[in-house]
Amino acid sequence: MPGLAWAGVFAGALMTAAVLRYAGAGAAGAVVAVGAVLLMVPGSGAVPVVLLVVVPVAAAAGAGGTVLLGMAGVATALTVWRLRAASGAFRPVLAELPAAGALIVLVCVSFLLPQTPVRGDRSWTEFLALPAGVLLAVVTACAAVSPRAAARALAATGTAVAVGLLLAGAYASERLTGLGLNPNYLGMYLASALVAAVGLAWQGRSPLWWAAALPCGVALSETGSRGAGLAALAGLVCLLLAGRPWRWQLGAVLAVGAAVLLVPDAWAWAQDLLSGGRDTRELTANTEVRGQVGALALQVASDHPLRGIGYGAFRAYAETAPGFWLRMNTHNDYLRLSAEAGAPALLAFAALLGRALTGRRPGGAPVLRAVCVTSAVGLLFANTLASPVVSVPFWVVLGCLLARPPRAASSPGGVPDPAAQRSRELGRSGQQVPPGRTGEPDEEPRLGQGERGVRDGGGEGAAGGAEAGDEEQVERRVEGQRADGRADRVAGAARPHQVGGE
């Protein structure tokens, strides 16, 4: 792992240099300061969790997208450095590495070698946000981040953001804004925090998390974002149906669809509820424009199915497209990947997302799975993968769900060996494994003096004129005691520790 560790250090230094070049010395200093804070956090698994808190706080303090992306890059590099001593660090995500690598390569090639001439400048921050996010997800999976800790960090930080923005009264055109985001993107962040808080309250039966969910819900409604409201609703339904038979899940989906189709004005009522009472004409105009840009993105994707037109090039393309003439993005990250980077990039991203949503993970995974569903639905309505404030929680959650729990080592009798498990944990954290803690006996059983003489090739205890048959009996006795000692040591390691002895 030394090469990987130095690659992480190089990536962190490169990210800091990029921040210095494009955002100035003050921003680079902030990134270095955050790196120093993360360096003091014990354990590699805690770094992505702390990042969930650092990024929104930095955004509230006025940090731009380049600085936030630099912080995420430094956190990723630091986690890679801490994983350097762990053997098989990428084992939890071996099945996902081809899809992750393919997505990074395809997006980079699409940005650096576009298929069509690009008019105007493209954002390097938007481009780097996706490869950096994929790397963050992979590293999070390797670091064995606690799903429950990640959910708590997201819910608590989102609650603090919601309370702060509501008290500050940060409104633009009667819609709540903040963290340097427009209302739609802020709504997507609050939707994830809301689902995390409700999931923790539902799973842990804790009224504290219900209290945390309340300001998130109020702030979400104040953004007036229909897409964020639908994303939050999808996540809450996922929480409600978690662990239910598939018939329940299918029945719930069919019931909601039937209600929308059969109940008069049901869709109009739902839109009014999710949009916070925004003007109907404004909503209709926005829906029409989004439909047109979606159709244009589909046309571009069908015309350039393999490599797309170039990552980040759609805005300029739409501005000169006959019949459209508007400089705007796809408002759908799935369409953006397909139109700008090609169908293979979309398939690679869908493979990662599908593995995360269908895998089984103990602990707080049901809550994070609902948060992941929220983000996945939100990608249908906004290009949030380009925003570090919204995408960092998504990538950390994705990494937690991609991680597979390691198989427990077993003793010869098939019983999990706690000593071997402890050895792996110490190796992953970079600490030296103490002798005799690897599940193997570090010393032979104590022998009597006569037996030591036999083992050492003859001595005073074995002398005295013993015959060959007696020596064979002593040897068999020694071997039997050795076998018994090993069996006792393995059984003792497999038994739980007893206080006070037997």
Protein backbone atom coordinates (compact mmCIF):
# COMPACT_ATOMS: atom_id res chain seq x y z
CA MET A 1 0.00 0.00 0.00
CA PRO A 2 2.90 2.52 0.08
CA GLY A 3 2.32 3.54 -3.55
CA LEU A 4 -1.36 4.16 -2.88
CA ALA A 5 -0.50 6.19 0.22
CA TRP A 6 1.88 8.46 -1.68
CA ALA A 7 -0.69 8.78 -4.47
CA GLY A 8 -3.14 10.06 -1.87
CA VAL A 9 -0.60 12.59 -0.59
CA PHE A 10 0.08 13.75 -4.15
CA ALA A 11 -3.65 14.11 -4.87
CA GLY A 12 -4.16 16.18 -1.72
CA ALA A 13 -1.23 18.45 -2.58
CA LEU A 14 -2.48 18.83 -6.15
CA MET A 15 -5.96 19.75 -4.94
CA THR A 16 -4.54 22.36 -2.55
CA ALA A 17 -2.44 23.82 -5.36
CA ALA A 18 -5.52 24.05 -7.58
CA VAL A 19 -7.40 25.89 -4.85
CA LEU A 20 -4.45 28.27 -4.47
CA ARG A 21 -4.43 28.90 -8.22
CA TYR A 22 -8.15 29.48 -8.74
CA ALA A 23 -9.38 30.72 -5.33
CA GLY A 24 -6.40 32.48 -3.76
CA ALA A 25 -4.13 32.07 -0.77
CA GLY A 26 -6.91 32.53 1.79
CA ALA A 27 -8.94 29.67 0.34
CA ALA A 28 -5.87 27.43 0.17
CA GLY A 29 -5.12 28.26 3.80
CA ALA A 30 -8.65 27.25 4.74
CA VAL A 31 -8.20 23.91 2.98
CA VAL A 32 -4.90 23.31 4.79
CA ALA A 33 -6.55 24.23 8.12
CA VAL A 34 -9.36 21.75 7.51
CA GLY A 35 -6.77 19.11 6.62
CA ALA A 36 -5.00 19.77 9.93
CA VAL A 37 -8.29 19.38 11.81
CA LEU A 38 -9.04 16.12 10.01
CA LEU A 39 -5.53 14.91 10.78
CA MET A 40 -6.37 15.07 14.48
CA VAL A 41 -9.50 12.95 14.03
CA PRO A 42 -8.73 9.41 15.23
CA GLY A 43 -9.35 6.58 12.79
CA SER A 44 -9.81 6.58 9.03
CA GLY A 45 -13.54 5.87 9.26
CA ALA A 46 -14.24 9.11 11.12
CA VAL A 47 -12.82 11.42 8.44
CA PRO A 48 -15.75 11.15 5.96
CA VAL A 49 -18.20 11.61 8.85
CA VAL A 50 -16.45 14.81 9.95
CA LEU A 51 -16.48 15.96 6.32
CA LEU A 52 -20.30 15.85 6.40
CA VAL A 53 -20.12 18.56 9.07
CA VAL A 54 -17.20 20.59 7.71
CA VAL A 55 -18.54 21.18 4.19
CA PRO A 56 -21.89 22.83 5.15
CA VAL A 57 -20.21 24.87 7.88
CA ALA A 58 -17.60 26.12 5.41
CA ALA A 59 -20.32 26.90 2.86
CA ALA A 60 -22.24 28.87 5.48
CA ALA A 61 -19.05 30.83 6.16
CA GLY A 62 -18.87 31.83 2.49
CA ALA A 63 -16.55 29.20 1.00
CA GLY A 64 -17.06 28.64 -2.71
CA GLY A 65 -17.31 25.43 -4.68
CA THR A 66 -13.56 25.27 -5.39
CA VAL A 67 -12.69 25.50 -1.70
CA LEU A 68 -15.30 22.90 -0.73
CA LEU A 69 -14.04 20.56 -3.42
CA GLY A 70 -10.50 21.06 -2.12
CA MET A 71 -11.63 20.12 1.38
CA ALA A 72 -13.24 16.93 0.05
CA GLY A 73 -10.08 16.11 -1.89
CA VAL A 74 -7.84 16.59 1.14
CA ALA A 75 -10.16 14.42 3.26
CA THR A 76 -10.04 11.68 0.62
CA ALA A 77 -6.24 11.85 0.45
CA LEU A 78 -5.95 11.73 4.24
CA THR A 79 -8.19 8.67 4.41
CA VAL A 80 -6.10 6.92 1.75
CA TRP A 81 -2.95 7.70 3.75
CA ARG A 82 -4.45 6.20 6.90
CA LEU A 83 -5.44 3.06 5.02
CA ARG A 84 -1.86 2.46 3.88
CA ALA A 85 -1.13 -0.15 6.58
CA ALA A 86 -4.28 -2.18 5.99
CA SER A 87 -3.80 -5.28 3.89
CA GLY A 88 -6.57 -5.76 1.34
CA ALA A 89 -7.91 -2.23 1.85
CA PHE A 90 -9.87 -2.33 -1.41
CA ARG A 91 -11.39 -5.74 -0.70
CA PRO A 92 -14.78 -4.29 0.40
CA VAL A 93 -15.28 -2.66 -3.03
CA LEU A 94 -13.49 -5.04 -5.41
CA ALA A 95 -16.73 -5.70 -7.29
CA GLU A 96 -17.41 -1.96 -7.71
CA LEU A 97 -13.91 -0.84 -8.71
CA PRO A 98 -14.40 -1.54 -12.47
CA ALA A 99 -17.55 0.60 -12.61
CA ALA A 100 -15.98 3.36 -10.51
CA GLY A 101 -12.81 3.40 -12.60
CA ALA A 102 -14.76 3.35 -15.86
CA LEU A 103 -16.92 6.29 -14.75
CA ILE A 104 -13.88 8.38 -13.80
CA VAL A 105 -12.04 7.60 -17.05
CA LEU A 106 -15.07 8.24 -19.27
CA VAL A 107 -15.86 11.59 -17.66
CA CYS A 108 -12.22 12.71 -17.82
CA VAL A 109 -11.87 11.72 -21.48
CA SER A 110 -15.17 13.41 -22.30
CA PHE A 111 -14.08 16.66 -20.66
CA LEU A 112 -10.53 16.74 -22.00
CA LEU A 113 -11.34 15.43 -25.51
CA PRO A 114 -14.88 16.63 -26.37
CA GLN A 115 -16.59 15.24 -29.44
CA THR A 116 -17.98 18.61 -30.56
CA PRO A 117 -16.38 22.07 -30.57
CA VAL A 118 -16.99 23.69 -27.19
CA ARG A 119 -18.16 27.30 -27.18
CA GLY A 120 -17.24 29.27 -24.10
CA ASP A 121 -15.47 28.25 -20.93
CA ARG A 122 -16.38 25.17 -18.93
CA SER A 123 -16.16 24.92 -15.15
CA TRP A 124 -13.24 22.87 -13.88
CA THR A 125 -14.92 22.71 -10.47
CA GLU A 126 -18.03 21.07 -11.94
CA PHE A 127 -15.85 18.64 -13.87
CA LEU A 128 -13.68 17.63 -10.90
CA ALA A 129 -16.66 17.29 -8.58
CA LEU A 130 -17.75 14.00 -10.16
CA PRO A 131 -14.39 12.11 -10.27
CA ALA A 132 -13.54 13.41 -6.79
CA GLY A 133 -16.93 12.25 -5.56
CA VAL A 134 -16.45 8.75 -6.95
CA LEU A 135 -13.06 8.52 -5.24
CA LEU A 136 -14.63 9.74 -1.99
CA ALA A 137 -17.26 6.98 -2.22
CA VAL A 138 -14.63 4.29 -2.82
CA VAL A 139 -12.44 5.50 0.04
CA THR A 140 -15.46 5.74 2.35
CA ALA A 141 -16.31 2.12 1.58
CA CYS A 142 -12.73 1.02 2.29
CA ALA A 143 -12.61 2.95 5.58
CA ALA A 144 -15.61 1.03 6.98
CA VAL A 145 -17.53 4.15 8.02
CA SER A 146 -20.33 3.55 10.50
CA PRO A 147 -23.69 4.03 8.73
CA ARG A 148 -25.34 5.22 11.93
CA ALA A 149 -22.61 7.80 12.57
CA ALA A 150 -22.94 9.13 9.02
CA ALA A 151 -26.73 9.41 9.35
CA ARG A 152 -26.40 11.27 12.65
CA ALA A 153 -23.84 13.71 11.26
CA LEU A 154 -26.02 14.47 8.23
CA ALA A 155 -29.21 14.90 10.27
CA ALA A 156 -27.60 17.05 12.98
CA THR A 157 -25.81 19.33 10.52
CA GLY A 158 -28.89 19.67 8.32
CA THR A 159 -30.97 20.61 11.35
CA ALA A 160 -28.46 23.29 12.37
CA VAL A 161 -28.46 24.67 8.82
CA ALA A 162 -32.27 24.73 8.69
CA VAL A 163 -32.60 26.51 12.04
CA GLY A 164 -29.93 29.06 11.12
CA LEU A 165 -31.47 29.90 7.75
CA LEU A 166 -34.99 30.18 9.17
CA LEU A 167 -33.80 32.52 11.92
CA ALA A 168 -31.76 34.60 9.48
CA GLY A 169 -34.70 34.92 7.09
CA ALA A 170 -32.54 34.31 4.01
CA TYR A 171 -35.16 34.60 1.27
CA ALA A 172 -34.94 35.44 -2.43
CA SER A 173 -38.18 35.90 -4.38
CA GLU A 174 -40.04 34.55 -1.33
CA ARG A 175 -38.02 31.31 -1.40
CA LEU A 176 -35.49 30.21 1.22
CA THR A 177 -31.86 30.28 0.10
CA GLY A 178 -28.49 29.78 1.76
CA LEU A 179 -25.10 28.00 1.73
CA GLY A 180 -24.43 29.67 -1.60
CA LEU A 181 -27.17 27.55 -3.22
CA ASN A 182 -30.34 28.42 -5.07
CA PRO A 183 -33.62 27.20 -3.49
CA ASN A 184 -33.76 23.99 -5.54
CA TYR A 185 -30.27 22.85 -4.54
CA LEU A 186 -30.77 23.89 -0.93
CA GLY A 187 -34.00 21.91 -0.94
CA MET A 188 -32.14 18.80 -2.10
CA TYR A 189 -29.68 19.09 0.78
CA LEU A 190 -32.47 19.63 3.31
CA ALA A 191 -34.42 16.68 1.88
CA SER A 192 -31.52 14.32 2.62
CA ALA A 193 -31.16 15.72 6.14
CA LEU A 194 -34.90 15.39 6.74
CA VAL A 195 -34.98 11.74 5.68
CA ALA A 196 -31.92 10.99 7.83
CA ALA A 197 -33.53 12.59 10.90
CA VAL A 198 -36.86 10.81 10.38
CA GLY A 199 -35.06 7.52 9.80
CA LEU A 200 -33.08 7.84 13.03
CA ALA A 201 -36.25 8.74 14.93
CA TRP A 202 -38.20 5.87 13.35
CA GLN A 203 -35.46 3.30 13.89
CA GLY A 204 -34.32 4.39 17.35
CA ARG A 205 -37.70 5.53 18.73
CA SER A 206 -35.99 8.75 19.82
CA PRO A 207 -38.09 11.92 20.20
CA LEU A 208 -34.92 13.99 19.87
CA TRP A 209 -34.60 13.13 16.19
CA TRP A 210 -38.29 13.88 15.62
CA ALA A 211 -37.56 17.35 17.01
CA ALA A 212 -34.60 17.61 14.63
CA ALA A 213 -36.74 16.62 11.65
CA LEU A 214 -39.25 19.44 12.26
CA PRO A 215 -37.06 22.42 11.26
CA CYS A 216 -35.71 20.45 8.29
CA GLY A 217 -39.26 19.91 7.03
CA VAL A 218 -40.24 23.56 7.57
CA ALA A 219 -37.12 24.83 5.80
CA LEU A 220 -37.68 22.38 2.94
CA SER A 221 -41.20 23.67 2.39
CA GLU A 222 -39.89 27.26 2.44
CA THR A 223 -37.57 26.54 -0.48
CA GLY A 224 -40.62 25.89 -2.67
CA SER A 225 -38.78 23.17 -4.59
CA ARG A 226 -41.09 20.57 -6.10
CA GLY A 227 -38.22 18.26 -7.00
CA ALA A 228 -36.81 18.34 -3.48
CA GLY A 229 -40.26 17.67 -2.04
CA LEU A 230 -40.74 14.64 -4.29
CA ALA A 231 -37.25 13.38 -3.41
CA ALA A 232 -37.99 13.68 0.32
CA LEU A 233 -41.32 11.91 -0.18
CA ALA A 234 -39.57 9.04 -1.98
CA GLY A 235 -37.08 8.69 0.87
CA LEU A 236 -39.82 8.67 3.51
CA VAL A 237 -41.75 6.02 1.60
CA CYS A 238 -38.55 3.95 1.42
CA LEU A 239 -38.24 4.21 5.20
CA LEU A 240 -41.85 3.17 5.67
CA LEU A 241 -41.48 0.12 3.43
CA ALA A 242 -38.04 -0.96 4.65
CA GLY A 243 -38.08 -4.63 5.61
CA ARG A 244 -41.58 -5.18 4.22
CA PRO A 245 -42.35 -7.98 1.73
CA TRP A 246 -42.06 -7.02 -1.90
CA ARG A 247 -45.85 -7.30 -2.27
CA TRP A 248 -46.26 -4.45 0.21
CA GLN A 249 -43.75 -2.35 -1.65
CA LEU A 250 -45.33 -2.98 -5.04
CA GLY A 251 -48.80 -2.35 -3.63
CA ALA A 252 -47.75 0.99 -2.16
CA VAL A 253 -46.30 2.15 -5.48
CA LEU A 254 -49.42 1.09 -7.36
CA ALA A 255 -51.67 2.78 -4.79
CA VAL A 256 -49.84 6.10 -5.10
CA GLY A 257 -49.93 5.89 -8.89
CA ALA A 258 -53.65 5.10 -8.90
CA ALA A 259 -54.36 8.01 -6.55
CA VAL A 260 -52.54 10.45 -8.80
CA LEU A 261 -54.32 9.18 -11.93
CA LEU A 262 -57.84 8.67 -10.58
CA VAL A 263 -58.39 11.32 -7.92
CA PRO A 264 -59.46 14.61 -9.52
CA ASP A 265 -56.88 17.40 -9.20
CA ALA A 266 -54.62 15.13 -7.11
CA TRP A 267 -51.50 16.11 -9.03
CA ALA A 268 -52.36 19.82 -8.90
CA TRP A 269 -52.94 19.58 -5.15
CA ALA A 270 -49.64 17.73 -4.67
CA GLN A 271 -47.79 20.33 -6.73
CA ASP A 272 -49.28 23.16 -4.70
CA LEU A 273 -48.30 21.40 -1.46
CA LEU A 274 -44.73 20.70 -2.59
CA SER A 275 -44.12 24.13 -4.12
CA GLY A 276 -45.15 26.11 -1.06
CA GLY A 277 -47.93 28.00 -2.84
CA ARG A 278 -45.81 29.41 -5.69
CA ASP A 279 -47.54 31.11 -8.61
CA THR A 280 -49.19 28.60 -10.93
CA ARG A 281 -48.09 30.41 -14.10
CA GLU A 282 -44.47 30.37 -12.95
CA LEU A 283 -44.66 26.65 -12.22
CA THR A 284 -46.23 25.94 -15.60
CA ALA A 285 -43.58 27.94 -17.45
CA ASN A 286 -40.77 26.20 -15.56
CA THR A 287 -42.26 22.79 -16.32
CA GLU A 288 -42.51 23.58 -20.03
CA VAL A 289 -38.91 24.80 -20.26
CA ARG A 290 -37.63 21.77 -18.37
CA GLY A 291 -39.56 19.50 -20.70
CA GLN A 292 -37.97 21.19 -23.72
CA VAL A 293 -34.44 20.99 -22.33
CA GLY A 294 -35.02 17.35 -21.41
CA ALA A 295 -36.11 16.56 -24.97
CA LEU A 296 -33.02 18.34 -26.30
CA ALA A 297 -30.78 16.32 -23.94
CA LEU A 298 -32.38 13.09 -25.12
CA GLN A 299 -31.77 14.09 -28.73
CA VAL A 300 -28.12 14.87 -28.00
CA ALA A 301 -27.71 11.55 -26.19
CA SER A 302 -29.15 9.63 -29.13
CA ASP A 303 -26.92 11.52 -31.61
CA HIS A 304 -23.75 10.90 -29.54
CA PRO A 305 -24.39 7.61 -27.71
CA LEU A 306 -20.81 6.51 -26.95
CA ARG A 307 -18.88 9.58 -25.82
CA GLY A 308 -21.43 12.38 -25.66
CA ILE A 309 -20.64 15.94 -26.70
CA GLY A 310 -18.15 16.63 -23.90
CA TYR A 311 -18.69 16.88 -20.16
CA GLY A 312 -19.83 20.39 -19.24
CA ALA A 313 -20.61 21.39 -22.84
CA PHE A 314 -24.41 21.13 -22.81
CA ARG A 315 -25.10 24.71 -21.68
CA ALA A 316 -23.22 26.19 -24.61
CA TYR A 317 -24.74 23.61 -26.96
CA ALA A 318 -28.29 24.48 -25.84
CA GLU A 319 -27.65 28.19 -26.34
CA THR A 320 -27.08 27.67 -30.06
CA ALA A 321 -29.52 24.80 -30.61
CA PRO A 322 -32.17 25.68 -33.22
CA GLY A 323 -35.55 26.20 -31.60
CA PHE A 324 -34.19 26.47 -28.06
CA TRP A 325 -31.67 29.34 -27.79
CA LEU A 326 -31.37 29.21 -23.98
CA ARG A 327 -28.14 28.73 -22.04
CA MET A 328 -29.18 26.25 -19.37
CA ASN A 329 -28.24 22.84 -18.07
CA THR A 330 -30.19 19.61 -18.35
CA HIS A 331 -31.76 19.84 -14.82
CA ASN A 332 -31.30 16.06 -14.73
CA ASP A 333 -27.95 14.46 -13.91
CA TYR A 334 -28.85 11.17 -15.59
CA LEU A 335 -29.53 13.02 -18.85
CA ARG A 336 -26.39 15.09 -18.34
CA LEU A 337 -24.17 12.02 -18.04
CA SER A 338 -25.77 10.44 -21.09
CA ALA A 339 -25.66 13.57 -23.26
CA GLU A 340 -22.24 14.88 -22.20
CA ALA A 341 -20.25 11.72 -21.37
CA GLY A 342 -22.16 9.03 -23.26
CA ALA A 343 -24.34 6.05 -22.40
CA PRO A 344 -21.41 3.97 -21.00
CA ALA A 345 -20.82 6.63 -18.32
CA LEU A 346 -24.50 6.54 -17.39
CA LEU A 347 -24.41 2.74 -17.18
CA ALA A 348 -21.33 2.83 -14.93
CA PHE A 349 -23.00 5.32 -12.60
CA ALA A 350 -26.22 3.28 -12.60
CA ALA A 351 -24.20 0.16 -11.71
CA LEU A 352 -22.71 1.87 -8.64
CA LEU A 353 -26.09 3.22 -7.58
CA GLY A 354 -27.79 -0.14 -8.10
CA ARG A 355 -25.17 -2.01 -6.07
CA ALA A 356 -25.58 0.48 -3.23
CA LEU A 357 -29.37 0.25 -3.15
CA THR A 358 -29.57 -3.54 -3.43
CA GLY A 359 -26.71 -4.55 -1.12
CA ARG A 360 -27.18 -5.69 2.45
CA ARG A 361 -25.37 -3.88 5.24
CA PRO A 362 -25.97 -4.12 9.01
CA GLY A 363 -26.31 -1.20 11.42
CA GLY A 364 -27.94 2.00 10.18
CA ALA A 365 -28.01 0.96 6.51
CA PRO A 366 -31.84 1.21 6.11
CA VAL A 367 -31.65 4.91 7.00
CA LEU A 368 -28.80 5.56 4.60
CA ARG A 369 -30.54 3.56 1.89
CA ALA A 370 -33.54 5.89 2.21
CA VAL A 371 -31.19 8.89 2.03
CA CYS A 372 -29.63 7.40 -1.10
CA VAL A 373 -33.08 6.97 -2.66
CA THR A 374 -33.78 10.62 -1.84
CA SER A 375 -30.62 11.73 -3.63
CA ALA A 376 -31.24 9.39 -6.57
CA VAL A 377 -34.72 10.86 -7.10
CA GLY A 378 -33.32 14.36 -6.66
CA LEU A 379 -30.91 13.77 -9.55
CA LEU A 380 -33.97 13.68 -11.82
CA PHE A 381 -34.70 17.35 -11.12
CA ALA A 382 -31.31 19.07 -10.68
CA ASN A 383 -27.62 18.74 -11.52
CA THR A 384 -26.58 18.33 -7.90
CA LEU A 385 -23.50 16.21 -8.66
CA ALA A 386 -21.74 19.46 -9.58
CA SER A 387 -22.41 21.02 -6.15
CA PRO A 388 -20.08 19.85 -3.33
CA VAL A 389 -22.56 20.87 -0.62
CA VAL A 390 -25.20 18.49 -1.99
CA SER A 391 -22.98 15.84 -3.56
CA VAL A 392 -20.57 15.18 -0.65
CA PRO A 393 -23.37 13.67 1.53
CA PHE A 394 -24.51 11.61 -1.45
CA TRP A 395 -21.04 10.17 -2.13
CA VAL A 396 -20.38 9.41 1.55
CA VAL A 397 -23.74 7.65 1.85
CA LEU A 398 -23.07 5.75 -1.38
CA GLY A 399 -19.70 4.61 -0.03
CA CYS A 400 -21.24 3.41 3.23
CA LEU A 401 -23.74 1.32 1.28
CA LEU A 402 -21.13 -0.06 -1.13
CA ALA A 403 -18.97 -1.41 1.71
CA ARG A 404 -19.35 -5.09 2.42
CA PRO A 405 -18.80 -6.31 6.00
CA PRO A 406 -15.60 -8.41 6.20
CA ARG A 407 -15.94 -12.11 6.78
CA ALA A 408 -15.07 -13.04 10.33
CA ALA A 409 -12.09 -15.32 10.75
CA SER A 410 -12.94 -18.70 12.17
CA SER A 411 -11.19 -21.07 14.47
CA PRO A 412 -10.64 -24.68 13.41
CA GLY A 413 -14.02 -25.51 14.94
CA GLY A 414 -15.83 -22.91 12.83
CA VAL A 415 -16.19 -20.40 15.69
CA PRO A 416 -15.31 -16.76 14.84
CA ASP A 417 -11.93 -15.86 16.31
CA PRO A 418 -12.06 -12.48 18.14
CA ALA A 419 -8.26 -12.35 18.28
CA ALA A 420 -7.97 -12.50 14.50
CA GLN A 421 -10.71 -9.87 14.18
CA ARG A 422 -8.79 -7.61 16.56
CA SER A 423 -5.67 -8.14 14.46
CA ARG A 424 -7.44 -6.90 11.33
CA GLU A 425 -8.80 -3.86 13.13
CA LEU A 426 -5.35 -2.92 14.44
CA GLY A 427 -3.86 -3.38 10.99
CA ARG A 428 -6.54 -1.20 9.39
CA SER A 429 -5.91 1.60 11.89
CA GLY A 430 -2.17 1.47 11.26
CA GLN A 431 -1.21 0.26 14.74
CA GLN A 432 1.32 -2.49 15.30
CA VAL A 433 -0.23 -5.83 16.09
CA PRO A 434 1.02 -7.07 19.47
CA PRO A 435 2.62 -10.52 19.49
CA GLY A 436 0.31 -13.34 20.32
CA ARG A 437 -2.82 -11.44 19.14
CA THR A 438 -3.19 -12.93 15.69
CA GLY A 439 -5.07 -16.05 16.69
CA GLU A 440 -1.92 -18.20 16.67
CA PRO A 441 -0.14 -19.32 19.88
CA ASP A 442 2.97 -17.24 20.47
CA GLU A 443 4.67 -19.77 22.69
CA GLU A 444 4.62 -23.48 23.27
CA PRO A 445 3.02 -25.00 26.38
CA ARG A 446 5.30 -25.25 29.35
CA LEU A 447 6.99 -28.60 29.70
CA GLY A 448 8.45 -30.44 32.64
CA GLN A 449 12.21 -30.59 33.06
CA GLY A 450 12.40 -34.16 31.84
CA GLU A 451 10.26 -33.32 28.85
CA ARG A 452 12.41 -30.27 28.04
CA GLY A 453 15.39 -32.58 28.06
CA VAL A 454 13.76 -34.82 25.48
CA ARG A 455 12.81 -31.83 23.33
CA ASP A 456 16.30 -30.35 23.51
CA GLY A 457 17.94 -33.53 22.32
CA GLY A 458 18.81 -35.14 25.67
CA GLY A 459 19.68 -33.71 29.09
CA GLU A 460 19.81 -34.49 32.72
CA GLY A 461 16.08 -35.06 33.01
CA ALA A 462 16.09 -37.50 30.09
CA ALA A 463 19.24 -39.26 31.14
CA GLY A 464 19.27 -41.98 33.74
CA GLY A 465 19.31 -44.87 31.33
CA ALA A 466 15.82 -44.51 29.81
CA GLU A 467 15.14 -47.09 27.14
CA ALA A 468 14.01 -46.30 23.58
CA GLY A 469 10.42 -47.32 24.35
CA ASP A 470 10.28 -44.95 27.32
CA GLU A 471 11.58 -42.12 25.12
CA GLU A 472 8.82 -42.77 22.56
CA GLN A 473 6.20 -42.63 25.32
CA VAL A 474 7.61 -39.32 26.58
CA GLU A 475 7.64 -37.92 23.04
CA ARG A 476 3.99 -38.91 22.52
CA ARG A 477 3.13 -37.28 25.85
CA VAL A 478 4.90 -34.06 24.83
CA GLU A 479 3.09 -33.93 21.49
CA GLY A 480 -0.22 -34.57 23.24
CA GLN A 481 0.36 -31.69 25.66
CA ARG A 482 1.27 -29.39 22.79
CA ALA A 483 -1.94 -30.27 20.96
CA ASP A 484 -3.98 -29.79 24.15
CA GLY A 485 -2.34 -26.41 24.74
CA ARG A 486 -3.18 -25.20 21.24
CA ALA A 487 -6.78 -26.40 21.55
CA ASP A 488 -7.17 -24.67 24.93
CA ARG A 489 -5.75 -21.44 23.54
CA VAL A 490 -8.09 -21.45 20.51
CA ALA A 491 -11.08 -22.26 22.71
CA GLY A 492 -10.10 -19.51 25.14
CA ALA A 493 -9.92 -16.98 22.31
CA ALA A 494 -13.35 -18.04 21.04
CA ARG A 495 -15.00 -17.79 24.49
CA PRO A 496 -16.25 -14.36 25.62
CA HIS A 497 -14.16 -12.77 28.38
CA GLN A 498 -15.37 -13.69 31.85
CA VAL A 499 -15.02 -11.17 34.64
CA GLY A 500 -13.62 -12.55 37.87
CA GLY A 501 -12.50 -15.86 36.43
CA GLU A 502 -14.23 -19.18 36.78
